[in-house]
């Protein structure tokens, strides 16, 4: 389903964007549920010791970095790293 100039149709692009956004939302919900569970484990196993090592930070940070990258791809990815966009900006700058 492509046009003559080998560009995907607008409808196909919209489907890809929709899939990426739904994927992000599912991942964000999974992140929230799993990290709430890990924090509950940490909370109930620290025996009231306030200096107990906060180990849930590591999965939160690791997974969080991936989640941020997924967000960028889903909501800004179409234009964020686009060669066509850069070309158009350079062309417009040259014509000024």
PDB file of N, CA and C in Angstrom:
ATOM      1  N   UNK A   1       0.826  -1.178   0.000  1.00  0.00           N
ATOM      2  CA  UNK A   1       0.000   0.000   0.000  1.00  0.00           C
ATOM      3  C   UNK A   1       0.878   1.253   0.000  1.00  0.00           C
ATOM      4  N   UNK A   2       1.585   1.490  -1.079  1.00  0.00           N
ATOM      5  CA  UNK A   2       2.475   2.637  -1.188  1.00  0.00           C
ATOM      6  C   UNK A   2       2.094   3.466  -2.395  1.00  0.00           C
ATOM      7  N   UNK A   3       2.475   4.720  -2.353  1.00  0.00           N
ATOM      8  CA  UNK A   3       2.215   5.603  -3.483  1.00  0.00           C
ATOM      9  C   UNK A   3       3.313   5.438  -4.513  1.00  0.00           C
ATOM     10  N   UNK A   4       3.212   6.190  -5.611  1.00  0.00           N
ATOM     11  CA  UNK A   4       4.170   6.067  -6.702  1.00  0.00           C
ATOM     12  C   UNK A   4       5.608   6.364  -6.289  1.00  0.00           C
ATOM     13  N   UNK A   5       5.844   7.287  -5.374  1.00  0.00           N
ATOM     14  CA  UNK A   5       7.204   7.693  -5.028  1.00  0.00           C
ATOM     15  C   UNK A   5       7.756   6.900  -3.834  1.00  0.00           C
ATOM     16  N   UNK A   6       7.283   5.670  -3.648  1.00  0.00           N
ATOM     17  CA  UNK A   6       7.755   4.752  -2.607  1.00  0.00           C
ATOM     18  C   UNK A   6       7.569   5.277  -1.186  1.00  0.00           C
ATOM     19  N   UNK A   7       6.647   6.203  -1.003  1.00  0.00           N
ATOM     20  CA  UNK A   7       6.322   6.690   0.336  1.00  0.00           C
ATOM     21  C   UNK A   7       5.067   5.951   0.811  1.00  0.00           C
ATOM     22  N   UNK A   8       5.042   5.535   2.085  1.00  0.00           N
ATOM     23  CA  UNK A   8       3.838   4.880   2.592  1.00  0.00           C
ATOM     24  C   UNK A   8       2.655   5.844   2.542  1.00  0.00           C
ATOM     25  N   UNK A   9       1.473   5.293   2.344  1.00  0.00           N
ATOM     26  CA  UNK A   9       0.288   6.139   2.292  1.00  0.00           C
ATOM     27  C   UNK A   9       0.046   6.779   3.654  1.00  0.00           C
ATOM     28  N   UNK A  10      -0.703   7.864   3.644  1.00  0.00           N
ATOM     29  CA  UNK A  10      -0.993   8.590   4.889  1.00  0.00           C
ATOM     30  C   UNK A  10      -1.742   7.700   5.871  1.00  0.00           C
ATOM     31  N   UNK A  11      -2.679   6.886   5.369  1.00  0.00           N
ATOM     32  CA  UNK A  11      -3.439   5.993   6.234  1.00  0.00           C
ATOM     33  C   UNK A  11      -2.520   4.974   6.917  1.00  0.00           C
ATOM     34  N   UNK A  12      -1.569   4.440   6.172  1.00  0.00           N
ATOM     35  CA  UNK A  12      -0.623   3.476   6.730  1.00  0.00           C
ATOM     36  C   UNK A  12       0.255   4.144   7.795  1.00  0.00           C
ATOM     37  N   UNK A  13       0.670   5.372   7.547  1.00  0.00           N
ATOM     38  CA  UNK A  13       1.474   6.110   8.526  1.00  0.00           C
ATOM     39  C   UNK A  13       0.674   6.349   9.800  1.00  0.00           C
ATOM     40  N   UNK A  14      -0.603   6.695   9.652  1.00  0.00           N
ATOM     41  CA  UNK A  14      -1.453   6.919  10.824  1.00  0.00           C
ATOM     42  C   UNK A  14      -1.623   5.644  11.640  1.00  0.00           C
ATOM     43  N   UNK A  15      -1.751   4.507  10.966  1.00  0.00           N
ATOM     44  CA  UNK A  15      -1.849   3.230  11.671  1.00  0.00           C
ATOM     45  C   UNK A  15      -0.567   2.941  12.447  1.00  0.00           C
ATOM     46  N   UNK A  16       0.574   3.213  11.850  1.00  0.00           N
ATOM     47  CA  UNK A  16       1.851   2.987  12.529  1.00  0.00           C
ATOM     48  C   UNK A  16       1.986   3.876  13.762  1.00  0.00           C
ATOM     49  N   UNK A  17       1.568   5.133  13.646  1.00  0.00           N
ATOM     50  CA  UNK A  17       1.615   6.048  14.781  1.00  0.00           C
ATOM     51  C   UNK A  17       0.675   5.576  15.878  1.00  0.00           C
ATOM     52  N   UNK A  18      -0.532   5.153  15.497  1.00  0.00           N
ATOM     53  CA  UNK A  18      -1.502   4.669  16.474  1.00  0.00           C
ATOM     54  C   UNK A  18      -0.979   3.436  17.208  1.00  0.00           C
ATOM     55  N   UNK A  19      -0.371   2.510  16.480  1.00  0.00           N
ATOM     56  CA  UNK A  19       0.192   1.308  17.103  1.00  0.00           C
ATOM     57  C   UNK A  19       1.308   1.667  18.082  1.00  0.00           C
ATOM     58  N   UNK A  20       2.173   2.600  17.695  1.00  0.00           N
ATOM     59  CA  UNK A  20       3.275   3.015  18.571  1.00  0.00           C
ATOM     60  C   UNK A  20       2.742   3.667  19.841  1.00  0.00           C
ATOM     61  N   UNK A  21       1.702   4.469  19.728  1.00  0.00           N
ATOM     62  CA  UNK A  21       1.138   5.146  20.908  1.00  0.00           C
ATOM     63  C   UNK A  21       0.438   4.167  21.836  1.00  0.00           C
ATOM     64  N   UNK A  22      -0.279   3.211  21.278  1.00  0.00           N
ATOM     65  CA  UNK A  22      -0.921   2.191  22.113  1.00  0.00           C
ATOM     66  C   UNK A  22       0.137   1.337  22.798  1.00  0.00           C
ATOM     67  N   UNK A  23       1.203   1.013  22.088  1.00  0.00           N
ATOM     68  CA  UNK A  23       2.298   0.246  22.670  1.00  0.00           C
ATOM     69  C   UNK A  23       2.923   1.002  23.842  1.00  0.00           C
ATOM     70  N   UNK A  24       3.114   2.304  23.685  1.00  0.00           N
ATOM     71  CA  UNK A  24       3.653   3.116  24.777  1.00  0.00           C
ATOM     72  C   UNK A  24       2.721   3.096  25.982  1.00  0.00           C
ATOM     73  N   UNK A  25       1.429   3.270  25.742  1.00  0.00           N
ATOM     74  CA  UNK A  25       0.464   3.301  26.846  1.00  0.00           C
ATOM     75  C   UNK A  25       0.429   1.973  27.604  1.00  0.00           C
ATOM     76  N   UNK A  26       0.513   0.858  26.868  1.00  0.00           N
ATOM     77  CA  UNK A  26       0.549  -0.459  27.523  1.00  0.00           C
ATOM     78  C   UNK A  26       1.824  -0.616  28.345  1.00  0.00           C
ATOM     79  N   UNK A  27       2.944  -0.170  27.791  1.00  0.00           N
ATOM     80  CA  UNK A  27       4.214  -0.263  28.510  1.00  0.00           C
ATOM     81  C   UNK A  27       4.216   0.618  29.749  1.00  0.00           C
ATOM     82  N   UNK A  28       3.639   1.804  29.647  1.00  0.00           N
ATOM     83  CA  UNK A  28       3.575   2.711  30.798  1.00  0.00           C
ATOM     84  C   UNK A  28       2.713   2.104  31.912  1.00  0.00           C
ATOM     85  N   UNK A  29       1.611   1.477  31.550  1.00  0.00           N
ATOM     86  CA  UNK A  29       0.757   0.829  32.547  1.00  0.00           C
ATOM     87  C   UNK A  29       1.486  -0.343  33.195  1.00  0.00           C
ATOM     88  N   UNK A  30       2.185  -1.138  32.417  1.00  0.00           N
ATOM     89  CA  UNK A  30       2.972  -2.248  32.961  1.00  0.00           C
ATOM     90  C   UNK A  30       4.052  -1.729  33.898  1.00  0.00           C
ATOM     91  N   UNK A  31       4.713  -0.653  33.503  1.00  0.00           N
ATOM     92  CA  UNK A  31       5.744  -0.030  34.324  1.00  0.00           C
ATOM     93  C   UNK A  31       5.177   0.374  35.684  1.00  0.00           C
ATOM     94  N   UNK A  32       4.036   1.012  35.660  1.00  0.00           N
ATOM     95  CA  UNK A  32       3.395   1.467  36.894  1.00  0.00           C
ATOM     96  C   UNK A  32       3.033   0.295  37.801  1.00  0.00           C
ATOM     97  N   UNK A  33       2.395  -0.721  37.262  1.00  0.00           N
ATOM     98  CA  UNK A  33       1.952  -1.864  38.060  1.00  0.00           C
ATOM     99  C   UNK A  33       3.139  -2.629  38.638  1.00  0.00           C
ATOM    100  N   UNK A  34       4.123  -2.942  37.814  1.00  0.00           N
ATOM    101  CA  UNK A  34       5.276  -3.717  38.272  1.00  0.00           C
ATOM    102  C   UNK A  34       6.063  -2.935  39.325  1.00  0.00           C
ATOM    103  N   UNK A  35       6.267  -1.640  39.095  1.00  0.00           N
ATOM    104  CA  UNK A  35       7.052  -0.867  40.045  1.00  0.00           C
ATOM    105  C   UNK A  35       6.298  -0.603  41.345  1.00  0.00           C
ATOM    106  N   UNK A  36       4.985  -0.513  41.293  1.00  0.00           N
ATOM    107  CA  UNK A  36       4.211  -0.451  42.542  1.00  0.00           C
ATOM    108  C   UNK A  36       4.393  -1.746  43.334  1.00  0.00           C
ATOM    109  N   UNK A  37       4.366  -2.869  42.650  1.00  0.00           N
ATOM    110  CA  UNK A  37       4.567  -4.166  43.288  1.00  0.00           C
ATOM    111  C   UNK A  37       5.965  -4.274  43.895  1.00  0.00           C
ATOM    112  N   UNK A  38       6.994  -3.856  43.147  1.00  0.00           N
ATOM    113  CA  UNK A  38       8.365  -3.911  43.666  1.00  0.00           C
ATOM    114  C   UNK A  38       8.541  -2.995  44.875  1.00  0.00           C
ATOM    115  N   UNK A  39       7.919  -1.822  44.831  1.00  0.00           N
ATOM    116  CA  UNK A  39       7.996  -0.913  45.969  1.00  0.00           C
ATOM    117  C   UNK A  39       7.251  -1.461  47.177  1.00  0.00           C
ATOM    118  N   UNK A  40       6.155  -2.161  46.943  1.00  0.00           N
ATOM    119  CA  UNK A  40       5.432  -2.796  48.049  1.00  0.00           C
ATOM    120  C   UNK A  40       6.293  -3.878  48.694  1.00  0.00           C
ATOM    121  N   UNK A  41       6.979  -4.667  47.881  1.00  0.00           N
ATOM    122  CA  UNK A  41       7.892  -5.687  48.420  1.00  0.00           C
ATOM    123  C   UNK A  41       8.969  -5.024  49.257  1.00  0.00           C
ATOM    124  N   UNK A  42       9.570  -3.968  48.729  1.00  0.00           N
ATOM    125  CA  UNK A  42      10.615  -3.261  49.473  1.00  0.00           C
ATOM    126  C   UNK A  42      10.065  -2.716  50.795  1.00  0.00           C
ATOM    127  N   UNK A  43       8.890  -2.097  50.748  1.00  0.00           N
ATOM    128  CA  UNK A  43       8.303  -1.483  51.935  1.00  0.00           C
ATOM    129  C   UNK A  43       8.009  -2.510  53.026  1.00  0.00           C
ATOM    130  N   UNK A  44       7.437  -3.650  52.626  1.00  0.00           N
ATOM    131  CA  UNK A  44       7.043  -4.645  53.626  1.00  0.00           C
ATOM    132  C   UNK A  44       8.189  -5.532  54.094  1.00  0.00           C
ATOM    133  N   UNK A  45       9.334  -5.446  53.458  1.00  0.00           N
ATOM    134  CA  UNK A  45      10.474  -6.264  53.893  1.00  0.00           C
ATOM    135  C   UNK A  45      11.576  -5.456  54.561  1.00  0.00           C
ATOM    136  N   UNK A  46      11.370  -4.157  54.780  1.00  0.00           N
ATOM    137  CA  UNK A  46      12.444  -3.363  55.373  1.00  0.00           C
ATOM    138  C   UNK A  46      12.404  -3.346  56.898  1.00  0.00           C
ATOM    139  N   UNK A  47      11.448  -3.995  57.538  1.00  0.00           N
ATOM    140  CA  UNK A  47      11.349  -4.135  58.997  1.00  0.00           C
ATOM    141  C   UNK A  47      11.417  -2.793  59.722  1.00  0.00           C
ATOM    142  N   UNK A  48      10.884  -1.747  59.136  1.00  0.00           N
ATOM    143  CA  UNK A  48      10.870  -0.438  59.777  1.00  0.00           C
ATOM    144  C   UNK A  48      12.214   0.262  59.783  1.00  0.00           C
ATOM    145  N   UNK A  49      13.205  -0.310  59.135  1.00  0.00           N
ATOM    146  CA  UNK A  49      14.545   0.284  59.086  1.00  0.00           C
ATOM    147  C   UNK A  49      14.560   1.382  58.021  1.00  0.00           C
ATOM    148  N   UNK A  50      14.678   2.635  58.440  1.00  0.00           N
ATOM    149  CA  UNK A  50      14.635   3.769  57.509  1.00  0.00           C
ATOM    150  C   UNK A  50      15.860   3.827  56.594  1.00  0.00           C
ATOM    151  N   UNK A  51      16.967   3.220  57.018  1.00  0.00           N
ATOM    152  CA  UNK A  51      18.169   3.248  56.194  1.00  0.00           C
ATOM    153  C   UNK A  51      18.280   2.027  55.279  1.00  0.00           C
ATOM    154  N   UNK A  52      17.195   1.247  55.179  1.00  0.00           N
ATOM    155  CA  UNK A  52      17.176   0.055  54.330  1.00  0.00           C
ATOM    156  C   UNK A  52      17.430   0.464  52.876  1.00  0.00           C
ATOM    157  N   UNK A  53      18.309  -0.273  52.217  1.00  0.00           N
ATOM    158  CA  UNK A  53      18.704   0.034  50.838  1.00  0.00           C
ATOM    159  C   UNK A  53      17.492   0.022  49.906  1.00  0.00           C
ATOM    160  N   UNK A  54      17.304   1.107  49.166  1.00  0.00           N
ATOM    161  CA  UNK A  54      16.164   1.236  48.252  1.00  0.00           C
ATOM    162  C   UNK A  54      16.521   0.632  46.891  1.00  0.00           C
ATOM    163  N   UNK A  55      16.419  -0.691  46.793  1.00  0.00           N
ATOM    164  CA  UNK A  55      16.796  -1.396  45.574  1.00  0.00           C
ATOM    165  C   UNK A  55      15.818  -1.235  44.407  1.00  0.00           C
ATOM    166  N   UNK A  56      14.526  -0.895  44.610  1.00  0.00           N
ATOM    167  CA  UNK A  56      13.633  -0.741  43.442  1.00  0.00           C
ATOM    168  C   UNK A  56      14.047   0.376  42.481  1.00  0.00           C
ATOM    169  N   UNK A  57      14.963   1.228  42.912  1.00  0.00           N
ATOM    170  CA  UNK A  57      15.387   2.319  42.034  1.00  0.00           C
ATOM    171  C   UNK A  57      16.021   1.791  40.748  1.00  0.00           C
ATOM    172  N   UNK A  58      16.724   0.671  40.817  1.00  0.00           N
ATOM    173  CA  UNK A  58      17.440   0.159  39.643  1.00  0.00           C
ATOM    174  C   UNK A  58      16.502  -0.323  38.536  1.00  0.00           C
ATOM    175  N   UNK A  59      15.500  -1.150  38.831  1.00  0.00           N
ATOM    176  CA  UNK A  59      14.573  -1.485  37.735  1.00  0.00           C
ATOM    177  C   UNK A  59      13.763  -0.279  37.272  1.00  0.00           C
ATOM    178  N   UNK A  60      13.460   0.643  38.205  1.00  0.00           N
ATOM    179  CA  UNK A  60      12.713   1.838  37.813  1.00  0.00           C
ATOM    180  C   UNK A  60      13.522   2.688  36.832  1.00  0.00           C
ATOM    181  N   UNK A  61      14.797   2.874  37.100  1.00  0.00           N
ATOM    182  CA  UNK A  61      15.640   3.672  36.211  1.00  0.00           C
ATOM    183  C   UNK A  61      15.876   2.977  34.868  1.00  0.00           C
ATOM    184  N   UNK A  62      16.213   1.711  34.923  1.00  0.00           N
ATOM    185  CA  UNK A  62      16.479   0.982  33.684  1.00  0.00           C
ATOM    186  C   UNK A  62      15.282   0.934  32.766  1.00  0.00           C
ATOM    187  N   UNK A  63      14.156   0.537  33.313  1.00  0.00           N
ATOM    188  CA  UNK A  63      12.932   0.448  32.527  1.00  0.00           C
ATOM    189  C   UNK A  63      12.460   1.849  32.139  1.00  0.00           C
ATOM    190  N   UNK A  64      12.670   2.823  33.021  1.00  0.00           N
ATOM    191  CA  UNK A  64      12.254   4.195  32.746  1.00  0.00           C
ATOM    192  C   UNK A  64      12.960   4.786  31.537  1.00  0.00           C
ATOM    193  N   UNK A  65      14.241   4.483  31.383  1.00  0.00           N
ATOM    194  CA  UNK A  65      14.976   4.966  30.210  1.00  0.00           C
ATOM    195  C   UNK A  65      14.351   4.406  28.929  1.00  0.00           C
ATOM    196  N   UNK A  66      14.056   3.118  28.943  1.00  0.00           N
ATOM    197  CA  UNK A  66      13.407   2.508  27.785  1.00  0.00           C
ATOM    198  C   UNK A  66      12.035   3.103  27.520  1.00  0.00           C
ATOM    199  N   UNK A  67      11.314   3.414  28.580  1.00  0.00           N
ATOM    200  CA  UNK A  67       9.982   4.001  28.436  1.00  0.00           C
ATOM    201  C   UNK A  67      10.053   5.406  27.835  1.00  0.00           C
ATOM    202  N   UNK A  68      11.048   6.171  28.231  1.00  0.00           N
ATOM    203  CA  UNK A  68      11.236   7.507  27.660  1.00  0.00           C
ATOM    204  C   UNK A  68      11.536   7.404  26.164  1.00  0.00           C
ATOM    205  N   UNK A  69      12.385   6.466  25.791  1.00  0.00           N
ATOM    206  CA  UNK A  69      12.698   6.283  24.369  1.00  0.00           C
ATOM    207  C   UNK A  69      11.461   5.851  23.583  1.00  0.00           C
ATOM    208  N   UNK A  70      10.633   4.995  24.176  1.00  0.00           N
ATOM    209  CA  UNK A  70       9.398   4.572  23.532  1.00  0.00           C
ATOM    210  C   UNK A  70       8.438   5.748  23.373  1.00  0.00           C
ATOM    211  N   UNK A  71       8.392   6.628  24.377  1.00  0.00           N
ATOM    212  CA  UNK A  71       7.551   7.827  24.301  1.00  0.00           C
ATOM    213  C   UNK A  71       7.996   8.729  23.153  1.00  0.00           C
ATOM    214  N   UNK A  72       9.304   8.948  23.060  1.00  0.00           N
ATOM    215  CA  UNK A  72       9.831   9.809  21.990  1.00  0.00           C
ATOM    216  C   UNK A  72       9.475   9.234  20.628  1.00  0.00           C
ATOM    217  N   UNK A  73       9.625   7.924  20.490  1.00  0.00           N
ATOM    218  CA  UNK A  73       9.293   7.288  19.211  1.00  0.00           C
ATOM    219  C   UNK A  73       7.802   7.412  18.904  1.00  0.00           C
ATOM    220  N   UNK A  74       6.959   7.216  19.916  1.00  0.00           N
ATOM    221  CA  UNK A  74       5.512   7.209  19.694  1.00  0.00           C
ATOM    222  C   UNK A  74       4.944   8.600  19.427  1.00  0.00           C
ATOM    223  N   UNK A  75       5.435   9.611  20.127  1.00  0.00           N
ATOM    224  CA  UNK A  75       4.833  10.931  20.033  1.00  0.00           C
ATOM    225  C   UNK A  75       5.658  11.957  19.259  1.00  0.00           C
ATOM    226  N   UNK A  76       6.934  11.689  19.047  1.00  0.00           N
ATOM    227  CA  UNK A  76       7.771  12.633  18.318  1.00  0.00           C
ATOM    228  C   UNK A  76       8.628  11.947  17.252  1.00  0.00           C
ATOM    229  N   UNK A  77       8.518  10.650  17.156  1.00  0.00           N
ATOM    230  CA  UNK A  77       9.406   9.866  16.308  1.00  0.00           C
ATOM    231  C   UNK A  77       9.277  10.105  14.832  1.00  0.00           C
ATOM    232  N   UNK A  78       8.092  10.420  14.360  1.00  0.00           N
ATOM    233  CA  UNK A  78       7.901  10.585  12.926  1.00  0.00           C
ATOM    234  C   UNK A  78       8.741  11.729  12.383  1.00  0.00           C
ATOM    235  N   UNK A  79       8.936  12.760  13.182  1.00  0.00           N
ATOM    236  CA  UNK A  79       9.690  13.918  12.702  1.00  0.00           C
ATOM    237  C   UNK A  79      10.992  14.130  13.455  1.00  0.00           C
ATOM    238  N   UNK A  80      11.180  13.451  14.560  1.00  0.00           N
ATOM    239  CA  UNK A  80      12.325  13.720  15.428  1.00  0.00           C
ATOM    240  C   UNK A  80      13.655  13.424  14.745  1.00  0.00           C
ATOM    241  N   UNK A  81      13.755  12.294  14.087  1.00  0.00           N
ATOM    242  CA  UNK A  81      14.998  11.915  13.422  1.00  0.00           C
ATOM    243  C   UNK A  81      14.764  11.714  11.924  1.00  0.00           C
ATOM    244  N   UNK A  82      14.045  12.633  11.333  1.00  0.00           N
ATOM    245  CA  UNK A  82      13.666  12.508   9.930  1.00  0.00           C
ATOM    246  C   UNK A  82      14.664  13.206   9.015  1.00  0.00           C
ATOM    247  N   UNK A  83      15.188  12.468   8.058  1.00  0.00           N
ATOM    248  CA  UNK A  83      16.094  13.037   7.061  1.00  0.00           C
ATOM    249  C   UNK A  83      15.346  14.050   6.201  1.00  0.00           C
ATOM    250  N   UNK A  84      14.105  13.735   5.855  1.00  0.00           N
ATOM    251  CA  UNK A  84      13.309  14.633   5.033  1.00  0.00           C
ATOM    252  C   UNK A  84      13.091  15.968   5.737  1.00  0.00           C
ATOM    253  N   UNK A  85      12.825  15.921   7.036  1.00  0.00           N
ATOM    254  CA  UNK A  85      12.616  17.144   7.800  1.00  0.00           C
ATOM    255  C   UNK A  85      13.887  17.986   7.825  1.00  0.00           C
ATOM    256  N   UNK A  86      15.016  17.367   8.048  1.00  0.00           N
ATOM    257  CA  UNK A  86      16.285  18.088   8.054  1.00  0.00           C
ATOM    258  C   UNK A  86      16.562  18.712   6.685  1.00  0.00           C
ATOM    259  N   UNK A  87      16.293  17.965   5.633  1.00  0.00           N
ATOM    260  CA  UNK A  87      16.490  18.469   4.272  1.00  0.00           C
ATOM    261  C   UNK A  87      15.625  19.698   4.020  1.00  0.00           C
ATOM    262  N   UNK A  88      14.359  19.615   4.421  1.00  0.00           N
ATOM    263  CA  UNK A  88      13.445  20.740   4.228  1.00  0.00           C
ATOM    264  C   UNK A  88      13.903  21.962   5.014  1.00  0.00           C
ATOM    265  N   UNK A  89      14.397  21.772   6.232  1.00  0.00           N
ATOM    266  CA  UNK A  89      14.889  22.890   7.036  1.00  0.00           C
ATOM    267  C   UNK A  89      16.094  23.538   6.383  1.00  0.00           C
ATOM    268  N   UNK A  90      17.018  22.721   5.884  1.00  0.00           N
ATOM    269  CA  UNK A  90      18.189  23.262   5.194  1.00  0.00           C
ATOM    270  C   UNK A  90      17.802  24.013   3.921  1.00  0.00           C
ATOM    271  N   UNK A  91      16.857  23.451   3.188  1.00  0.00           N
ATOM    272  CA  UNK A  91      16.389  24.061   1.951  1.00  0.00           C
ATOM    273  C   UNK A  91      15.718  25.406   2.243  1.00  0.00           C
ATOM    274  N   UNK A  92      14.899  25.443   3.291  1.00  0.00           N
ATOM    275  CA  UNK A  92      14.224  26.689   3.664  1.00  0.00           C
ATOM    276  C   UNK A  92      15.221  27.744   4.155  1.00  0.00           C
ATOM    277  N   UNK A  93      16.239  27.278   4.880  1.00  0.00           N
ATOM    278  CA  UNK A  93      17.264  28.206   5.369  1.00  0.00           C
ATOM    279  C   UNK A  93      18.045  28.809   4.193  1.00  0.00           C
ATOM    280  N   UNK A  94      18.306  28.003   3.198  1.00  0.00           N
ATOM    281  CA  UNK A  94      19.060  28.460   2.015  1.00  0.00           C
ATOM    282  C   UNK A  94      18.250  29.493   1.242  1.00  0.00           C
ATOM    283  N   UNK A  95      16.934  29.321   1.182  1.00  0.00           N
ATOM    284  CA  UNK A  95      16.061  30.216   0.411  1.00  0.00           C
ATOM    285  C   UNK A  95      15.767  31.524   1.143  1.00  0.00           C
ATOM    286  N   UNK A  96      16.154  31.641   2.392  1.00  0.00           N
ATOM    287  CA  UNK A  96      15.875  32.883   3.133  1.00  0.00           C
ATOM    288  C   UNK A  96      16.748  34.008   2.729  1.00  0.00           C
TER     289      UNK A  96
END
